[in-house]
Protein backbone atom coordinates (compact mmCIF):
# COMPACT_ATOMS: atom_id res chain seq x y z
CA MET A 1 0.00 0.00 0.00
CA VAL A 2 2.84 2.41 0.89
CA LYS A 3 4.52 1.74 -2.46
CA LEU A 4 1.24 2.41 -4.28
CA PHE A 5 1.02 5.84 -2.64
CA VAL A 6 4.60 6.62 -3.63
CA ARG A 7 4.24 5.51 -7.26
CA ALA A 8 0.94 7.33 -7.75
CA SER A 9 2.23 10.55 -6.26
CA GLN A 10 5.52 10.62 -8.13
CA ILE A 11 3.58 10.83 -11.38
CA PHE A 12 1.97 14.12 -10.32
CA TYR A 13 4.73 15.95 -8.45
CA SER A 14 8.09 17.31 -9.56
CA ARG A 15 10.57 18.62 -7.04
CA ARG A 16 11.40 22.29 -6.65
CA PRO A 17 13.32 24.09 -3.89
CA LEU A 18 11.62 25.59 -0.85
CA THR A 19 12.05 29.21 0.18
CA THR A 20 10.95 30.87 3.40
CA MET A 21 10.94 33.99 5.50
CA GLN A 22 10.58 32.34 8.95
CA LYS A 23 10.26 28.91 10.53
CA GLN A 24 7.05 27.09 9.68
CA ILE A 25 5.87 23.85 11.28
CA LEU A 26 2.86 21.71 10.40
CA ILE A 27 1.03 19.56 12.97
CA LEU A 28 -0.69 16.75 11.08
CA THR A 29 -3.46 14.58 12.57
CA THR A 30 -6.56 12.76 11.40
CA THR A 31 -9.35 14.68 13.18
CA SER A 32 -9.85 18.33 14.08
CA ASP A 33 -10.35 17.69 17.82
CA PHE A 34 -6.90 16.19 18.31
CA LEU A 35 -5.29 19.61 18.61
CA TYR A 36 -7.73 20.78 21.29
CA LYS A 37 -7.40 17.53 23.26
CA PHE A 38 -3.66 16.98 23.09
CA GLU A 39 -1.64 19.65 21.30
CA LEU A 40 -2.39 23.06 22.82
CA ASP A 41 0.73 23.06 24.99
CA ASN A 42 2.89 22.02 22.04
CA VAL A 43 1.48 24.91 20.00
CA LYS A 44 2.42 27.38 22.75
CA ILE A 45 5.94 25.94 23.00
CA LEU A 46 6.44 26.21 19.25
CA GLN A 47 5.07 29.74 19.04
CA ASN A 48 7.34 30.82 21.89
CA MET A 49 10.25 29.42 19.88
CA GLY A 50 9.31 31.65 16.95
CA TYR A 51 7.47 29.12 14.78
CA THR A 52 4.40 29.82 12.70
CA VAL A 53 2.15 26.84 13.42
CA HIS A 54 -0.03 25.18 10.79
CA TYR A 55 -2.54 22.44 11.54
CA ALA A 56 -3.87 19.96 8.97
CA ALA A 57 -6.66 17.47 9.65
CA ASN A 58 -10.09 16.44 8.47
CA MET A 59 -12.00 19.43 9.83
CA ASN A 60 -15.31 17.60 9.35
CA GLU A 61 -14.40 15.00 11.95
CA PRO A 62 -15.60 14.41 14.55
CA HIS A 63 -19.06 15.47 13.44
CA TYR A 64 -20.22 16.17 16.99
CA LEU A 65 -17.60 18.83 17.75
CA SER A 66 -16.83 22.07 15.95
CA SER A 67 -13.46 23.80 16.21
CA LYS A 68 -14.56 26.94 14.39
CA GLY A 69 -12.89 30.02 15.82
CA LEU A 70 -10.41 28.05 17.92
CA PHE A 71 -7.59 28.09 15.37
CA GLU A 72 -7.88 31.80 14.65
CA LYS A 73 -7.97 32.57 18.38
CA LEU A 74 -4.78 30.57 18.91
CA GLY A 75 -3.00 32.06 15.90
CA ILE A 76 -2.90 28.72 14.06
CA HIS A 77 -3.24 28.36 10.30
CA ALA A 78 -5.81 25.58 9.81
CA HIS A 79 -5.97 23.44 6.65
CA HIS A 80 -8.69 20.94 5.79
CA ILE A 81 -7.58 17.76 4.07
CA PRO A 82 -9.80 14.71 3.39
CA ILE A 83 -7.66 12.39 5.53
CA ALA A 84 -9.52 9.27 6.72
CA ARG A 85 -8.94 7.30 9.91
CA SER A 86 -8.66 4.02 8.01
CA PRO A 87 -5.54 3.53 5.89
CA TYR A 88 -7.66 1.36 3.60
CA LEU A 89 -9.72 4.32 2.37
CA PHE A 90 -7.22 4.72 -0.43
CA HIS A 91 -9.03 7.35 -2.51
CA ASP A 92 -9.49 9.82 0.37
CA ASN A 93 -5.98 9.39 1.71
CA LYS A 94 -4.36 9.62 -1.73
CA LYS A 95 -6.16 12.94 -2.24
CA ALA A 96 -5.06 14.07 1.22
CA LEU A 97 -1.45 13.16 0.39
CA TYR A 98 -1.48 15.31 -2.76
CA GLN A 99 -2.91 18.22 -0.79
CA LEU A 100 -0.27 17.80 1.93
CA ILE A 101 2.55 18.04 -0.57
CA ASP A 102 1.04 21.22 -2.00
CA LEU A 103 0.51 22.58 1.52
CA ILE A 104 4.15 21.94 2.45
CA ARG A 105 5.43 23.67 -0.69
CA ILE A 106 3.07 26.63 -0.74
CA ASN A 107 3.57 27.40 2.95
CA ASN A 108 7.31 26.66 2.98
CA ILE A 109 6.96 24.13 5.81
CA HIS A 110 10.27 23.29 7.50
CA ALA A 111 9.05 20.59 9.90
CA VAL A 112 6.05 18.27 10.10
CA HIS A 113 4.90 16.76 13.39
CA CYS A 114 2.66 13.78 12.61
CA HIS A 115 0.18 12.14 14.96
CA THR A 116 -2.28 9.23 14.63
CA PRO A 117 -1.52 6.20 12.44
CA VAL A 118 -2.75 7.64 9.13
CA GLY A 119 -1.27 11.06 9.90
CA GLY A 120 2.05 9.34 10.50
CA LEU A 121 1.69 7.40 7.26
CA LEU A 122 0.94 10.41 5.05
CA GLY A 123 3.38 12.76 6.74
CA ARG A 124 6.27 10.39 6.28
CA LEU A 125 5.26 9.58 2.72
CA CYS A 126 5.63 13.30 2.07
CA GLY A 127 9.20 12.92 3.31
CA GLU A 128 9.73 10.14 0.78
CA LEU A 129 8.21 12.04 -2.11
CA LEU A 130 9.87 15.39 -1.43
CA GLY A 131 13.31 13.84 -1.16
CA LYS A 132 16.08 16.35 -0.45
CA GLU A 133 13.62 19.21 -0.08
CA ALA A 134 11.55 17.32 2.52
CA PRO A 135 10.93 19.05 5.84
CA VAL A 136 12.19 17.59 9.11
CA ILE A 137 9.74 14.81 9.99
CA LEU A 138 8.83 13.87 13.55
CA TYR A 139 6.18 11.32 14.47
CA THR A 140 4.54 10.70 17.83
CA ALA A 141 3.43 7.08 18.04
CA HIS A 142 0.59 7.10 20.56
CA GLY A 143 0.74 3.31 20.52
CA PHE A 144 2.23 0.97 17.93
CA HIS A 145 -0.28 -1.55 16.56
CA PHE A 146 2.27 -4.37 16.81
CA TYR A 147 2.21 -4.50 20.61
CA LYS A 148 2.83 -7.59 22.73
CA GLY A 149 -0.25 -9.79 22.49
CA ALA A 150 -1.55 -8.12 19.33
CA PRO A 151 -3.06 -10.31 16.60
CA MET A 152 -0.55 -11.89 14.24
CA TYR A 153 -2.02 -9.77 11.44
CA ASN A 154 -0.80 -6.62 13.22
CA HIS A 155 2.75 -7.93 13.39
CA LEU A 156 2.70 -9.07 9.75
CA VAL A 157 1.23 -5.83 8.38
CA TYR A 158 1.84 -2.89 10.70
CA TYR A 159 5.43 -3.67 11.69
CA PRO A 160 6.76 -3.85 8.09
CA VAL A 161 4.96 -0.58 7.26
CA GLU A 162 6.43 1.15 10.32
CA LYS A 163 9.85 -0.21 9.47
CA LEU A 164 9.57 1.15 5.93
CA LEU A 165 8.33 4.57 7.07
CA ALA A 166 11.07 4.84 9.69
CA ARG A 167 13.61 5.65 6.98
CA ASN A 168 11.82 9.00 6.50
CA THR A 169 11.54 9.73 10.22
CA ASP A 170 14.00 12.18 11.78
CA ILE A 171 12.51 11.99 15.28
CA LEU A 172 10.28 9.24 16.66
CA ILE A 173 8.43 9.92 19.92
CA VAL A 174 6.82 7.17 22.02
CA ILE A 175 4.87 7.22 25.29
CA ASN A 176 5.49 3.86 26.95
CA GLN A 177 8.37 1.50 27.70
CA GLU A 178 7.27 -1.33 25.40
CA ASP A 179 7.03 0.96 22.38
CA TYR A 180 10.36 2.57 23.30
CA GLN A 181 12.13 -0.79 23.11
CA ASN A 182 10.48 -1.52 19.75
CA ALA A 183 11.28 1.96 18.43
CA LEU A 184 15.00 1.54 19.15
CA LYS A 185 15.04 -1.36 16.68
CA LEU A 186 13.60 0.65 13.79
CA PRO A 187 15.94 1.94 11.05
CA LEU A 188 15.35 5.68 11.37
CA LYS A 189 16.69 8.22 8.92
CA LYS A 190 20.42 8.84 9.26
CA GLY A 191 20.92 10.88 12.41
CA GLY A 192 17.40 10.02 13.60
CA ARG A 193 16.56 9.78 17.28
CA VAL A 194 13.96 8.13 19.52
CA TYR A 195 12.47 9.97 22.50
CA ARG A 196 10.17 8.66 25.21
CA ILE A 197 7.85 11.18 26.88
CA PRO A 198 5.29 10.85 29.74
CA GLY A 199 2.30 11.22 27.45
CA VAL A 200 0.83 14.48 26.26
CA GLY A 201 0.70 15.94 29.78
CA LEU A 202 -1.90 15.73 32.51
CA ASN A 203 -3.73 19.00 33.19
CA GLY A 204 -3.58 19.32 36.97
CA ARG A 205 -5.62 22.52 36.89
CA LEU A 206 -8.62 20.54 35.66
CA PHE A 207 -8.03 17.12 37.18
CA HIS A 208 -7.38 17.27 40.91
CA PRO A 209 -9.00 15.99 44.13
CA ILE A 210 -12.23 17.67 45.20
CA SER A 211 -13.87 18.04 48.60
CA GLY A 212 -16.54 15.75 50.00
CA LYS A 213 -19.09 18.52 49.59
CA GLN A 214 -18.19 18.99 45.92
CA ARG A 215 -18.38 15.25 45.38
CA ALA A 216 -21.88 15.14 46.89
CA LEU A 217 -23.00 17.96 44.61
CA CYS A 218 -21.61 16.15 41.55
CA ARG A 219 -23.56 13.01 42.45
CA GLN A 220 -26.72 14.95 43.24
CA ARG A 221 -26.57 16.69 39.86
CA LEU A 222 -26.37 13.29 38.14
CA GLY A 223 -29.12 11.74 40.25
CA ILE A 224 -26.76 9.29 41.98
CA SER A 225 -27.86 8.43 45.52
CA PRO A 226 -25.31 8.11 48.37
CA GLU A 227 -25.97 4.37 48.55
CA GLU A 228 -25.20 3.69 44.89
CA CYS A 229 -21.78 2.72 43.56
CA PHE A 230 -21.13 4.95 40.55
CA LEU A 231 -18.79 3.71 37.82
CA ILE A 232 -17.81 5.84 34.85
CA SER A 233 -16.00 5.39 31.51
CA VAL A 234 -14.64 8.32 29.50
CA GLY A 235 -13.52 8.07 25.90
CA GLU A 236 -14.53 7.65 22.30
CA LEU A 237 -17.13 4.96 21.67
CA ASN A 238 -15.34 2.42 19.53
CA GLU A 239 -14.49 -1.26 19.54
CA ASN A 240 -11.11 -0.83 21.19
CA LYS A 241 -12.56 0.88 24.27
CA ASN A 242 -14.26 -2.44 24.99
CA HIS A 243 -17.35 -1.24 26.89
CA ARG A 244 -19.06 -4.56 26.19
CA VAL A 245 -17.01 -6.49 28.77
CA ILE A 246 -18.33 -4.20 31.54
CA LEU A 247 -21.89 -4.49 30.27
CA GLN A 248 -21.54 -8.27 30.31
CA ALA A 249 -20.14 -8.15 33.85
CA LEU A 250 -23.04 -6.01 35.08
CA ALA A 251 -25.60 -8.24 33.36
CA LYS A 252 -24.09 -11.34 34.95
CA MET A 253 -24.07 -9.67 38.36
CA GLN A 254 -27.70 -8.61 37.95
CA ALA A 255 -28.77 -12.08 36.84
CA SER A 256 -27.36 -13.63 40.05
CA SER A 257 -28.91 -11.01 42.35
CA PRO A 258 -32.51 -11.33 43.64
CA GLU A 259 -32.77 -7.53 43.92
CA PRO A 260 -31.72 -4.61 41.70
CA LEU A 261 -28.04 -3.84 42.17
CA PRO A 262 -27.15 -0.48 43.79
CA ILE A 263 -24.75 0.22 40.90
CA ARG A 264 -24.84 2.88 38.20
CA TYR A 265 -22.57 2.92 35.17
CA GLY A 266 -22.13 6.10 33.12
CA ILE A 267 -20.46 6.16 29.70
CA CYS A 268 -19.16 9.55 28.52
CA GLY A 269 -18.19 10.04 24.91
CA ASP A 270 -19.44 9.71 21.38
CA GLY A 271 -18.43 7.73 18.34
CA PHE A 272 -19.58 5.27 15.71
CA PHE A 273 -20.18 2.53 18.33
CA ARG A 274 -22.88 4.51 20.15
CA GLU A 275 -25.85 2.77 18.54
CA ARG A 276 -24.29 -0.64 19.06
CA ILE A 277 -23.63 0.05 22.75
CA GLN A 278 -27.20 1.27 23.17
CA GLN A 279 -28.41 -1.96 21.58
CA TRP A 280 -26.30 -4.04 23.98
CA ILE A 281 -27.71 -2.12 26.94
CA VAL A 282 -31.25 -2.99 25.85
CA GLU A 283 -30.44 -6.62 25.00
CA LEU A 284 -28.81 -7.17 28.40
CA GLY A 285 -31.62 -5.47 30.29
CA LEU A 286 -29.40 -2.73 31.75
CA GLU A 287 -31.51 0.34 30.89
CA ASN A 288 -31.99 1.20 34.58
CA MET A 289 -28.30 0.76 35.43
CA VAL A 290 -26.37 2.19 32.46
CA THR A 291 -26.54 5.72 31.05
CA LEU A 292 -24.98 6.98 27.82
CA TYR A 293 -24.11 10.61 28.59
CA GLY A 294 -22.69 11.40 25.16
CA PHE A 295 -19.92 13.92 24.52
CA ARG A 296 -19.33 16.03 27.65
CA CYS A 297 -17.38 19.19 28.37
CA ASP A 298 -17.59 18.68 32.16
CA ILE A 299 -15.53 15.51 32.59
CA PRO A 300 -13.86 16.64 35.87
CA GLU A 301 -17.31 17.07 37.41
CA MET A 302 -18.43 13.70 36.06
CA LEU A 303 -15.35 11.97 37.46
CA GLY A 304 -15.67 13.81 40.75
CA GLY A 305 -18.83 11.92 41.63
CA ALA A 306 -17.52 8.48 40.70
CA ASP A 307 -16.46 5.61 42.95
CA ALA A 308 -14.26 4.23 40.18
CA ALA A 309 -13.32 4.91 36.58
CA VAL A 310 -13.63 1.95 34.23
CA PHE A 311 -10.96 1.64 31.54
CA PRO A 312 -11.19 -1.78 29.85
CA SER A 313 -9.49 -0.94 26.52
CA LYS A 314 -8.02 -3.76 24.49
CA ARG A 315 -4.97 -1.59 23.86
CA GLU A 316 -3.68 1.81 24.98
CA GLY A 317 -0.49 3.69 24.24
CA LEU A 318 -0.81 5.28 27.67
CA GLY A 319 -4.39 6.27 28.40
CA MET A 320 -4.97 9.87 29.48
CA ALA A 321 -8.53 9.11 30.57
CA GLY A 322 -7.16 6.70 33.15
CA LEU A 323 -4.55 9.17 34.39
CA GLU A 324 -7.11 11.96 34.67
CA ALA A 325 -9.23 9.81 36.96
CA LEU A 326 -6.22 8.85 39.09
CA ALA A 327 -5.22 12.50 39.46
CA MET A 328 -8.61 13.14 41.05
CA GLY A 329 -8.13 10.28 43.49
CA ILE A 330 -10.55 8.00 41.62
CA PRO A 331 -9.38 4.35 41.43
CA LEU A 332 -9.33 2.49 38.12
CA LEU A 333 -10.86 -0.78 37.00
CA ALA A 334 -8.64 -1.30 33.98
CA SER A 335 -7.47 -3.86 31.49
CA ASP A 336 -3.86 -4.95 31.72
CA ASN A 337 -2.08 -3.49 28.70
CA ARG A 338 1.21 -1.72 27.90
CA GLY A 339 -0.36 1.69 28.60
CA THR A 340 -1.92 0.99 31.98
CA ARG A 341 1.21 -0.87 33.11
CA GLU A 342 2.99 2.51 33.05
CA TYR A 343 1.05 3.71 36.12
CA MET A 344 -1.17 0.95 37.55
CA GLU A 345 -0.31 -1.13 40.63
CA ASN A 346 -2.93 -3.81 41.10
CA GLY A 347 -4.70 -3.45 44.42
CA LYS A 348 -3.13 -0.06 45.21
CA ASN A 349 -4.65 2.43 42.78
CA GLY A 350 -7.27 0.09 41.36
CA PHE A 351 -7.54 -3.36 39.86
CA LEU A 352 -6.22 -4.86 36.62
CA TYR A 353 -7.71 -7.68 34.56
CA ALA A 354 -7.37 -9.13 31.08
CA TYR A 355 -9.52 -7.11 28.68
CA ASP A 356 -11.87 -10.07 28.08
CA ASP A 357 -12.08 -11.30 31.70
CA VAL A 358 -15.75 -10.78 32.57
CA ASP A 359 -15.46 -12.57 35.92
CA GLY A 360 -12.35 -10.56 36.77
CA PHE A 361 -14.16 -7.27 36.21
CA ILE A 362 -17.03 -8.56 38.34
CA GLN A 363 -14.55 -9.11 41.17
CA GLY A 364 -13.14 -5.63 40.63
CA ILE A 365 -16.56 -3.99 40.75
CA GLN A 366 -17.39 -5.87 43.94
CA LYS A 367 -14.08 -4.87 45.55
CA ILE A 368 -14.55 -1.19 44.65
CA CYS A 369 -18.11 -1.09 45.91
CA ALA A 370 -17.11 -2.82 49.18
CA LEU A 371 -14.23 -0.46 50.08
CA SER A 372 -14.49 1.05 53.54
CA ALA A 373 -13.97 4.79 54.02
CA PRO A 374 -10.36 4.34 55.33
CA GLU A 375 -9.53 1.95 52.47
CA ARG A 376 -10.97 4.38 49.96
CA ARG A 377 -8.90 7.27 51.35
CA LYS A 378 -5.73 5.18 51.27
CA MET A 379 -6.38 4.13 47.67
CA ALA A 380 -7.22 7.72 46.67
CA ASN A 381 -3.88 8.96 48.02
CA PHE A 382 -2.02 6.31 46.05
CA CYS A 383 -4.03 7.21 42.91
CA ILE A 384 -3.00 10.86 43.18
CA ALA A 385 0.67 10.01 43.73
CA SER A 386 0.75 7.58 40.79
CA ALA A 387 -0.49 10.27 38.37
CA LYS A 388 2.05 12.96 39.33
CA PRO A 389 4.92 11.77 37.05
CA PHE A 390 2.63 12.38 34.07
CA ASP A 391 1.87 16.01 34.86
CA ARG A 392 2.09 18.44 31.95
CA GLU A 393 5.19 20.15 33.37
CA HIS A 394 7.16 16.95 32.77
CA ALA A 395 5.65 16.39 29.32
CA ASN A 396 6.26 20.02 28.33
CA ALA A 397 9.87 19.88 29.51
CA ALA A 398 10.40 16.81 27.32
CA MET A 399 8.74 18.49 24.33
CA ARG A 400 10.84 21.63 24.70
CA GLN A 401 13.93 19.44 24.48
CA ILE A 402 12.56 17.66 21.42
CA TYR A 403 11.55 20.86 19.63
CA ALA A 404 15.00 22.30 20.35
CA ASP A 405 16.38 19.25 18.55
CA VAL A 406 13.92 19.91 15.70
CA SER A 407 15.12 23.51 15.44
CA ARG A 408 18.74 22.41 15.19
CA ARG A 409 17.79 20.05 12.38
CA VAL A 410 15.69 22.68 10.61
CA GLU A 411 18.44 25.28 10.83
CA TYR A 412 21.06 22.85 9.57
CA LYS A 413 18.90 21.42 6.76
CA PHE A 414 17.81 24.87 5.55
CA ARG A 415 21.03 26.65 6.57
CA ARG A 416 21.44 28.40 3.20
CA ILE A 417 18.05 30.05 3.58
CA PHE A 418 18.59 31.15 7.17
CA SER A 419 22.12 32.33 6.44
CA ALA A 420 20.84 34.39 3.50
CA GLN A 421 18.38 36.07 5.86
CA GLY A 422 21.21 36.90 8.24
CA GLN A 423 19.74 34.74 11.01
CA HIS A 424 22.72 32.40 11.08
CA PRO A 425 26.06 33.41 9.54
CA ASP A 426 27.71 30.72 7.45
CA GLY A 427 29.87 28.35 9.42
CA GLN A 428 27.97 28.60 12.72
CA LEU A 429 25.49 25.80 12.08
CA GLN A 430 26.50 22.28 13.10
CA PRO A 431 24.82 19.00 12.13
CA PRO A 432 22.41 17.76 14.84
CA GLN A 433 23.86 15.19 17.22
């Protein structure tokens, strides 16, 4: 598939030199909401370093959230491209690739920071197609698809593609130990480097412990009684988030109980699995126990009233939703994967189970609901402490170091341009180490 993109694109594009007046960087993702969710701090860092920031994504996705006005307010140049989440939507992504190449040339882009699998694919294909005039390419892998325990198909397909794309990657950024070890084995571009960062940065101003009075108000607003055990999941509604295992656990618990269970389960988020999840709720007879809250802008308040956050994903690169709950002192019922292993200690800040272990999650729900007040306080303190290493100050410090590396590469690669502008006299620029 990668070779098809390259062959098709080489027919349409001839190479010509880039010119510029100042440093330009493009952040490339699949959907418009990615910047708001994960990249605002990076934008500020780059702007403080003197970069003009461009952002390219499918501005029509997600359909339930509009980013109109945000980019202008932040001083970001937004560009719509028809990029699709699936790499198999060849027509859309081929069109997006052509537009990216034009975007890079017209706007004199010196560096491209790619995110999401398809964003990483197209951004690094641009590096292949532009050859010597290619910008500096950095890619943040928010979770390789060829993780330990992944289907054989993932290892046979995604690893060879990542290995091929690595040759056009100047900087590869990962967010967990397993991916870091795999990244070190990839054949990056000459002089390329791998960095590991503590995620995109936890916002401690939003996610922090609240008082007992505030907690009571949060529960009252949601109609949760003091006697009920309130569980909550936050995230996009898709197959990977694996809500079904919790629904099955609740249905099995209800079937073995002579009375209605004093448990409520709230699911926050939207996505293409919403209708399917609603159908499961009805089929399993959980209408009185499970609520689909949809997309919410008040997640801290939602989490504040919870007894536990439920995070049963089949895979996670790290899992900011889990860390946000921990930072508020809310224990996790989570699946055991490479992301949650970065911060979870079973029995201390929650409970870990295999993603398909229905009986295990039943045990976890029962343990959470049965915690005494002293046990809950002890677990809450451990939750808060376990989230601290992932605070945004640590992530931002790491990104400042990485972007400084990017600047050295940009200035060296385009040294003739910057020297001509008098920004860097000839002879002062050294190749990046």
